[in-house]
Amino acid sequence: QVIKCKAAVMWEANKPFSIEEVEVAPPKAHEVRIKIIATGICRSDDHVVTGGLVMPFPIILGHEAAGVVESVGQGVTSVKPGDKVIPLFAPQCGECNNCLSTKGNLCSKNDIGSAVGLMPDGTSRFTCKGKAIHHFLGTSTFTEYTVVDEFSVAKIDSAAPLEKVCLIGCGFSTGYGAALQTAKVEPGSTCAVFGLGGVGLSVVMGCKAAGASRIIAVDINSDKFAKAKELGATDCVNPKDFKKPVHEVLIEMTGQGVDYSFEAIGRTETMVSALACCQYNYGVSVIVGVPPAAQKITFDPMLLFTGRNWKGSVFGGWKSKDSVPKLVADYMKKKFDLDPLITHTLPFTKINEGFDLLRTGKRLVNCKGS
């Protein structure tokens, strides 16, 4: 059966979301239809709104969520109606080279690079006002119901609070894993984290969990420093307080630079600063923030020649279908706390207010029950 429900449709760039009635088609073979219970707002969604991440319009955004399986298509075996689940913007088909390798986690079935905005069969499950609406990263969670491929959904603990664990669908896992999985931060090491939104704070949590002895939080908004220290930052630096480049400040603070640095903003200038502030021979710098479209990066190649490592990290390096249930289990065992990452909870119809809070830097992660 087709389901009619509310969704936040983005008809074109740089316009507000429009709350519309959409029709959600039933799942085809190997697809799952999910009732979304809670969804977070992520900076990557805003990049689409502003044109920094190019996607086809009209589109239903959203990729950080949790919900309950409403129905499944033929051949689906990993979930059943009634299961609590998290949709996966970084899928895990289990068959491609990346999924089979221990070195990577970005399944070849992902829609991050190609930006097709459709289901694997090349069609959409959303219709509004007679028009097909594009999907976003295989998830599209700014809607009361969505359809995903079976390789883009993970079954989680039935006791998990969906309004909290929805953050494991992107922001928390991305930052926490960048420290633990991608960089493999070591006990006693020094770290610098650029950007203290939800992802950056999750990097701080990951560095602390890994046993880093010094975690330097960097942001131009000093209001974020108290939260960063609460989660494990040992020092906080506002680049606006100095006349010299921030990488020079960090090198002075640490002697030779940090062992590990993380850029969790998505700006090319800070990506280069993060690279430059890490130890010149064996430092590791990780790009966690989504790079802006059509921008190129210019840097002195000597920064790499001397031995530094520059890495990228998608979804924290986790193999999603395997790791998300384990991360939820760790949350249930109180191995980490997600509450500090939730500053506002709004009804779904106030999604535009949520994005306003994001843009003013007044909120970290915003979960909304639909």
Protein backbone atom coordinates (compact mmCIF):
# COMPACT_ATOMS: atom_id res chain seq x y z
CA GLN A 1 0.00 0.00 0.00
CA VAL A 2 1.09 3.58 -0.71
CA ILE A 3 1.43 5.62 2.51
CA LYS A 4 0.55 9.32 2.57
CA CYS A 5 2.50 11.26 5.18
CA LYS A 6 4.28 14.52 5.97
CA ALA A 7 7.78 15.23 4.66
CA ALA A 8 10.09 18.24 4.51
CA VAL A 9 10.67 18.72 0.79
CA MET A 10 13.50 20.90 -0.52
CA TRP A 11 12.23 22.12 -3.90
CA GLU A 12 15.32 24.20 -4.72
CA ALA A 13 18.56 25.42 -3.13
CA ASN A 14 18.68 28.29 -0.65
CA LYS A 15 14.96 28.10 0.12
CA PRO A 16 13.23 26.93 3.33
CA PHE A 17 12.00 23.37 3.68
CA SER A 18 8.37 22.95 2.67
CA ILE A 19 6.23 20.62 4.80
CA GLU A 20 4.23 18.66 2.22
CA GLU A 21 2.05 15.60 1.98
CA VAL A 22 4.01 12.98 0.08
CA GLU A 23 3.20 9.52 -1.17
CA VAL A 24 5.65 6.81 -0.14
CA ALA A 25 5.52 3.71 -2.35
CA PRO A 26 5.71 0.22 -0.83
CA PRO A 27 9.15 -1.39 -0.71
CA LYS A 28 10.24 -3.41 -3.74
CA ALA A 29 12.38 -6.56 -3.50
CA HIS A 30 15.24 -6.20 -0.99
CA GLU A 31 13.87 -2.86 0.26
CA VAL A 32 12.58 -1.76 3.66
CA ARG A 33 9.98 0.88 4.54
CA ILE A 34 10.66 2.59 7.86
CA LYS A 35 8.56 4.80 10.11
CA ILE A 36 11.01 7.52 11.21
CA ILE A 37 10.68 8.25 14.93
CA ALA A 38 13.55 10.72 15.39
CA THR A 39 15.97 12.45 13.05
CA GLY A 40 18.94 14.72 13.66
CA ILE A 41 19.96 17.76 11.67
CA CYS A 42 23.49 17.51 10.32
CA ARG A 43 25.68 20.12 8.65
CA SER A 44 25.83 17.89 5.56
CA ASP A 45 22.09 18.45 5.04
CA ASP A 46 22.69 22.21 5.18
CA HIS A 47 25.50 21.88 2.62
CA VAL A 48 22.86 20.66 0.14
CA VAL A 49 20.57 23.58 1.00
CA THR A 50 23.36 26.10 0.36
CA GLY A 51 24.80 24.34 -2.71
CA GLY A 52 28.03 23.29 -0.99
CA LEU A 53 27.10 19.65 -1.65
CA VAL A 54 25.51 19.27 -5.08
CA MET A 55 22.41 17.06 -5.22
CA PRO A 56 19.44 16.89 -7.59
CA PHE A 57 16.23 18.74 -6.65
CA PRO A 58 13.49 18.35 -5.52
CA ILE A 59 14.79 16.19 -2.69
CA ILE A 60 13.96 14.89 0.79
CA LEU A 61 17.08 15.37 2.89
CA GLY A 62 18.04 13.82 6.23
CA HIS A 63 20.43 10.94 6.92
CA GLU A 64 20.79 10.67 10.72
CA ALA A 65 17.78 8.91 12.18
CA ALA A 66 16.16 5.97 13.93
CA GLY A 67 12.82 4.32 13.38
CA VAL A 68 10.72 1.19 13.22
CA VAL A 69 10.32 -1.15 10.22
CA GLU A 70 6.80 -0.78 8.80
CA SER A 71 7.06 -3.32 5.96
CA VAL A 72 9.64 -5.20 3.92
CA GLY A 73 9.95 -6.22 0.29
CA GLN A 74 10.50 -9.70 -1.07
CA GLY A 75 13.79 -11.33 -0.10
CA VAL A 76 14.54 -9.15 2.94
CA THR A 77 16.02 -11.31 5.71
CA SER A 78 17.95 -9.01 8.09
CA VAL A 79 14.96 -7.06 9.46
CA LYS A 80 11.21 -7.59 9.91
CA PRO A 81 8.22 -5.31 10.64
CA GLY A 82 8.37 -3.96 14.19
CA ASP A 83 12.19 -4.02 14.43
CA LYS A 84 13.92 -0.87 15.68
CA VAL A 85 16.46 0.24 13.07
CA ILE A 86 18.91 2.94 12.04
CA PRO A 87 19.12 3.85 8.31
CA LEU A 88 22.68 3.86 6.94
CA PHE A 89 23.84 6.65 4.61
CA ALA A 90 27.11 4.69 4.28
CA PRO A 91 25.70 1.29 3.25
CA GLN A 92 27.33 -2.12 3.60
CA CYS A 93 26.42 -4.53 0.81
CA GLY A 94 28.93 -7.11 2.04
CA GLU A 95 29.93 -8.05 -1.51
CA CYS A 96 32.01 -5.23 -3.08
CA ASN A 97 35.80 -4.92 -2.75
CA ASN A 98 35.51 -2.23 -0.08
CA CYS A 99 33.12 -4.27 2.04
CA LEU A 100 35.30 -7.38 1.70
CA SER A 101 38.51 -5.49 2.54
CA THR A 102 39.62 -4.80 6.11
CA LYS A 103 41.16 -1.51 4.91
CA GLY A 104 38.03 0.45 4.01
CA ASN A 105 34.39 0.99 4.88
CA LEU A 106 32.91 3.02 2.01
CA CYS A 107 30.73 0.49 0.19
CA SER A 108 30.66 0.94 -3.59
CA LYS A 109 26.85 1.12 -3.42
CA ASN A 110 27.04 4.52 -1.66
CA ASP A 111 25.46 7.64 -3.19
CA ILE A 112 27.95 10.12 -1.71
CA GLY A 113 30.14 10.65 -4.76
CA SER A 114 27.67 10.03 -7.58
CA ALA A 115 24.71 11.97 -6.09
CA VAL A 116 22.14 10.15 -8.22
CA GLY A 117 19.42 10.61 -5.61
CA LEU A 118 17.51 7.46 -6.55
CA MET A 119 17.07 3.90 -5.31
CA PRO A 120 19.49 1.30 -6.75
CA ASP A 121 16.99 0.44 -9.51
CA GLY A 122 17.09 4.06 -10.74
CA THR A 123 13.64 5.12 -9.51
CA SER A 124 12.21 7.05 -6.54
CA ARG A 125 9.76 5.88 -3.87
CA PHE A 126 8.59 9.45 -3.13
CA THR A 127 5.94 11.42 -5.01
CA CYS A 128 4.63 14.92 -4.19
CA LYS A 129 2.11 16.89 -6.23
CA GLY A 130 2.55 14.37 -9.03
CA LYS A 131 6.35 14.82 -9.15
CA ALA A 132 8.98 12.24 -8.27
CA ILE A 133 11.14 13.45 -5.35
CA HIS A 134 14.81 12.49 -5.08
CA HIS A 135 16.26 10.45 -2.23
CA PHE A 136 19.28 11.65 -0.23
CA LEU A 137 22.23 9.30 0.41
CA GLY A 138 19.92 6.30 0.23
CA THR A 139 18.16 7.33 3.46
CA SER A 140 15.96 10.51 3.26
CA THR A 141 14.90 10.80 6.89
CA PHE A 142 13.12 14.19 6.89
CA THR A 143 9.84 12.36 6.37
CA GLU A 144 7.47 10.31 8.51
CA TYR A 145 8.13 7.25 6.30
CA THR A 146 11.06 6.40 4.06
CA VAL A 147 12.20 3.47 1.91
CA VAL A 148 15.79 2.20 1.95
CA ASP A 149 17.64 -0.74 0.46
CA GLU A 150 18.25 -3.64 2.83
CA PHE A 151 22.00 -2.93 2.72
CA SER A 152 21.24 0.57 4.09
CA VAL A 153 19.58 -0.42 7.36
CA ALA A 154 20.79 -1.93 10.64
CA LYS A 155 18.64 -3.65 13.26
CA ILE A 156 19.35 -2.38 16.79
CA ASP A 157 18.48 -3.23 20.39
CA SER A 158 14.69 -3.13 20.88
CA ALA A 159 15.17 -1.27 24.18
CA ALA A 160 17.26 1.55 22.69
CA PRO A 161 15.80 5.10 23.00
CA LEU A 162 15.41 6.13 19.35
CA GLU A 163 15.45 9.88 20.10
CA LYS A 164 19.03 9.47 21.37
CA VAL A 165 20.57 6.65 19.31
CA CYS A 166 19.52 8.37 16.07
CA LEU A 167 22.83 10.25 16.49
CA ILE A 168 24.68 6.97 15.89
CA GLY A 169 23.31 7.19 12.33
CA CYS A 170 25.85 9.91 11.53
CA GLY A 171 27.24 12.62 13.80
CA PHE A 172 28.40 10.64 16.81
CA SER A 173 29.73 7.64 14.88
CA THR A 174 31.51 9.89 12.37
CA GLY A 175 33.47 11.81 15.00
CA TYR A 176 34.02 9.03 17.52
CA GLY A 177 35.20 6.63 14.80
CA ALA A 178 37.51 9.21 13.19
CA ALA A 179 39.54 9.07 16.41
CA LEU A 180 39.24 5.36 17.20
CA GLN A 181 39.01 3.74 13.75
CA THR A 182 40.60 6.08 11.20
CA ALA A 183 43.37 7.76 13.19
CA LYS A 184 43.71 4.96 15.78
CA VAL A 185 44.63 7.46 18.48
CA GLU A 186 47.03 5.96 21.01
CA PRO A 187 47.12 6.29 24.82
CA GLY A 188 49.23 9.25 25.95
CA SER A 189 49.10 11.02 22.57
CA THR A 190 48.25 14.65 21.84
CA CYS A 191 45.30 15.64 19.64
CA ALA A 192 43.79 18.79 18.14
CA VAL A 193 40.15 18.98 17.07
CA PHE A 194 39.06 21.79 14.72
CA GLY A 195 35.33 22.54 14.99
CA LEU A 196 33.17 21.81 18.03
CA GLY A 197 29.81 20.97 16.55
CA GLY A 198 28.28 17.56 17.23
CA VAL A 199 30.88 15.76 15.08
CA GLY A 200 33.85 17.62 16.56
CA LEU A 201 32.66 16.96 20.11
CA SER A 202 32.30 13.29 19.20
CA VAL A 203 35.94 13.35 18.02
CA VAL A 204 36.86 14.74 21.46
CA MET A 205 34.94 11.86 23.07
CA GLY A 206 36.80 9.37 20.84
CA CYS A 207 40.21 10.85 21.68
CA LYS A 208 39.39 10.65 25.38
CA ALA A 209 38.16 7.05 25.06
CA ALA A 210 41.43 6.19 23.30
CA GLY A 211 43.45 7.57 26.24
CA ALA A 212 44.88 10.74 24.67
CA SER A 213 46.75 12.76 27.32
CA ARG A 214 46.08 16.15 25.73
CA ILE A 215 43.08 17.14 23.60
CA ILE A 216 43.15 20.69 22.24
CA ALA A 217 39.75 21.96 21.05
CA VAL A 218 39.82 24.69 18.38
CA ASP A 219 36.82 26.87 17.49
CA ILE A 220 36.10 30.54 16.75
CA ASN A 221 33.05 30.34 19.07
CA SER A 222 34.33 30.32 22.67
CA ASP A 223 30.81 29.53 23.92
CA LYS A 224 31.48 25.93 22.88
CA PHE A 225 34.53 25.48 25.12
CA ALA A 226 32.68 24.53 28.33
CA LYS A 227 30.96 21.61 26.59
CA ALA A 228 34.24 20.52 24.98
CA LYS A 229 35.96 20.43 28.39
CA GLU A 230 33.04 18.53 29.88
CA LEU A 231 33.57 15.84 27.21
CA GLY A 232 37.35 15.58 27.58
CA ALA A 233 39.15 18.56 26.03
CA THR A 234 42.16 19.61 28.12
CA ASP A 235 42.80 22.94 26.32
CA CYS A 236 40.65 25.27 24.22
CA VAL A 237 41.96 27.67 21.57
CA ASN A 238 40.09 30.43 19.76
CA PRO A 239 42.10 31.42 16.64
CA LYS A 240 40.63 34.93 16.90
CA ASP A 241 42.61 35.46 20.13
CA PHE A 242 45.97 35.28 18.29
CA LYS A 243 47.73 37.33 15.66
CA LYS A 244 49.65 34.34 14.28
CA PRO A 245 48.19 31.37 12.34
CA VAL A 246 46.54 28.84 14.63
CA HIS A 247 48.81 25.99 13.52
CA GLU A 248 51.79 27.95 14.84
CA VAL A 249 49.99 28.42 18.16
CA LEU A 250 49.39 24.67 18.43
CA ILE A 251 53.01 23.84 17.55
CA GLU A 252 54.19 26.22 20.27
CA MET A 253 51.79 24.65 22.78
CA THR A 254 53.02 21.12 22.07
CA GLY A 255 56.66 21.52 21.03
CA GLN A 256 56.62 19.68 17.70
CA GLY A 257 52.91 19.66 16.92
CA VAL A 258 50.17 17.23 17.83
CA ASP A 259 50.25 13.50 17.12
CA TYR A 260 46.73 13.58 15.66
CA SER A 261 44.60 16.41 14.27
CA PHE A 262 41.01 16.38 13.03
CA GLU A 263 39.14 18.85 10.82
CA ALA A 264 35.41 18.58 11.60
CA ILE A 265 34.19 21.73 9.84
CA GLY A 266 34.46 21.24 6.09
CA ARG A 267 36.61 24.28 5.20
CA THR A 268 39.71 23.98 3.01
CA GLU A 269 41.63 26.58 5.07
CA THR A 270 41.16 24.66 8.31
CA MET A 271 42.01 21.38 6.58
CA VAL A 272 45.45 22.82 5.74
CA SER A 273 45.82 24.28 9.27
CA ALA A 274 44.99 20.88 10.78
CA LEU A 275 47.62 19.23 8.57
CA ALA A 276 50.23 21.87 9.40
CA CYS A 277 49.73 21.61 13.18
CA CYS A 278 50.50 17.90 13.42
CA GLN A 279 53.97 16.48 14.09
CA TYR A 280 56.12 17.01 10.97
CA ASN A 281 57.35 13.40 10.64
CA TYR A 282 54.69 11.03 11.93
CA GLY A 283 51.65 13.21 12.65
CA VAL A 284 48.29 12.08 11.31
CA SER A 285 45.63 14.57 10.19
CA VAL A 286 42.09 13.40 9.41
CA ILE A 287 39.54 15.24 7.24
CA VAL A 288 36.14 14.57 8.85
CA GLY A 289 34.11 17.57 7.62
CA VAL A 290 32.46 17.35 4.19
CA PRO A 291 34.61 19.29 1.68
CA PRO A 292 32.75 22.07 -0.16
CA ALA A 293 31.90 21.43 -3.81
CA ALA A 294 34.08 22.94 -6.54
CA GLN A 295 36.75 24.13 -4.10
CA LYS A 296 40.35 23.07 -4.50
CA ILE A 297 42.99 22.88 -1.80
CA THR A 298 46.44 24.47 -2.06
CA PHE A 299 49.22 23.58 0.36
CA ASP A 300 53.01 23.29 0.63
CA PRO A 301 53.89 19.69 -0.39
CA MET A 302 56.76 19.78 2.13
CA LEU A 303 54.03 19.26 4.76
CA LEU A 304 53.61 15.73 3.41
CA PHE A 305 57.15 15.08 2.19
CA THR A 306 58.53 15.00 5.72
CA GLY A 307 56.24 12.15 6.66
CA ARG A 308 52.88 13.46 7.83
CA ASN A 309 49.83 11.35 6.97
CA TRP A 310 46.69 13.02 5.58
CA LYS A 311 43.60 10.85 5.74
CA GLY A 312 39.90 11.11 5.02
CA SER A 313 37.17 9.48 7.07
CA VAL A 314 33.58 8.69 6.06
CA PHE A 315 31.23 7.53 8.84
CA GLY A 316 34.20 7.23 11.17
CA GLY A 317 35.65 4.28 9.27
CA TRP A 318 32.96 1.94 10.65
CA LYS A 319 31.52 -0.83 8.49
CA SER A 320 27.98 0.36 9.09
CA LYS A 321 25.76 -2.74 9.18
CA ASP A 322 28.26 -4.55 11.42
CA SER A 323 29.18 -1.63 13.67
CA VAL A 324 25.96 0.35 14.28
CA PRO A 325 24.28 -2.39 16.38
CA LYS A 326 27.51 -2.71 18.41
CA LEU A 327 27.70 1.06 18.97
CA VAL A 328 24.07 1.05 20.13
CA ALA A 329 24.92 -1.84 22.48
CA ASP A 330 27.88 0.17 23.84
CA TYR A 331 25.54 3.11 24.44
CA MET A 332 23.13 0.86 26.30
CA LYS A 333 26.08 -0.33 28.46
CA LYS A 334 26.82 3.37 29.22
CA LYS A 335 30.24 3.29 27.52
CA PHE A 336 29.48 6.80 26.21
CA ASP A 337 26.78 9.43 26.76
CA LEU A 338 24.86 11.03 23.91
CA ASP A 339 22.90 13.53 26.03
CA PRO A 340 25.55 16.32 25.78
CA LEU A 341 25.16 16.23 21.99
CA ILE A 342 21.42 17.01 22.10
CA THR A 343 20.67 20.65 22.81
CA HIS A 344 17.18 21.05 21.34
CA THR A 345 14.28 18.74 20.55
CA LEU A 346 11.70 20.16 18.16
CA PRO A 347 8.57 18.78 16.47
CA PHE A 348 9.17 17.75 12.87
CA THR A 349 7.10 20.66 11.52
CA LYS A 350 9.63 23.14 13.01
CA ILE A 351 12.52 21.80 10.93
CA ASN A 352 13.31 25.27 9.53
CA GLU A 353 13.77 26.57 13.08
CA GLY A 354 16.17 23.67 13.70
CA PHE A 355 18.30 24.72 10.72
CA ASP A 356 18.26 28.34 11.93
CA LEU A 357 19.68 27.12 15.27
CA LEU A 358 22.33 25.13 13.41
CA ARG A 359 23.44 28.11 11.37
CA THR A 360 23.72 30.43 14.36
CA GLY A 361 25.91 27.88 16.17
CA LYS A 362 23.45 27.68 19.05
CA ARG A 363 22.84 24.00 18.74
CA LEU A 364 24.96 20.91 18.46
CA VAL A 365 22.66 18.14 17.33
CA ASN A 366 18.92 18.44 17.07
CA CYS A 367 16.65 15.41 17.22
CA LYS A 368 13.04 15.71 16.22
CA GLY A 369 10.29 13.21 16.77
CA SER A 370 8.06 13.02 13.73
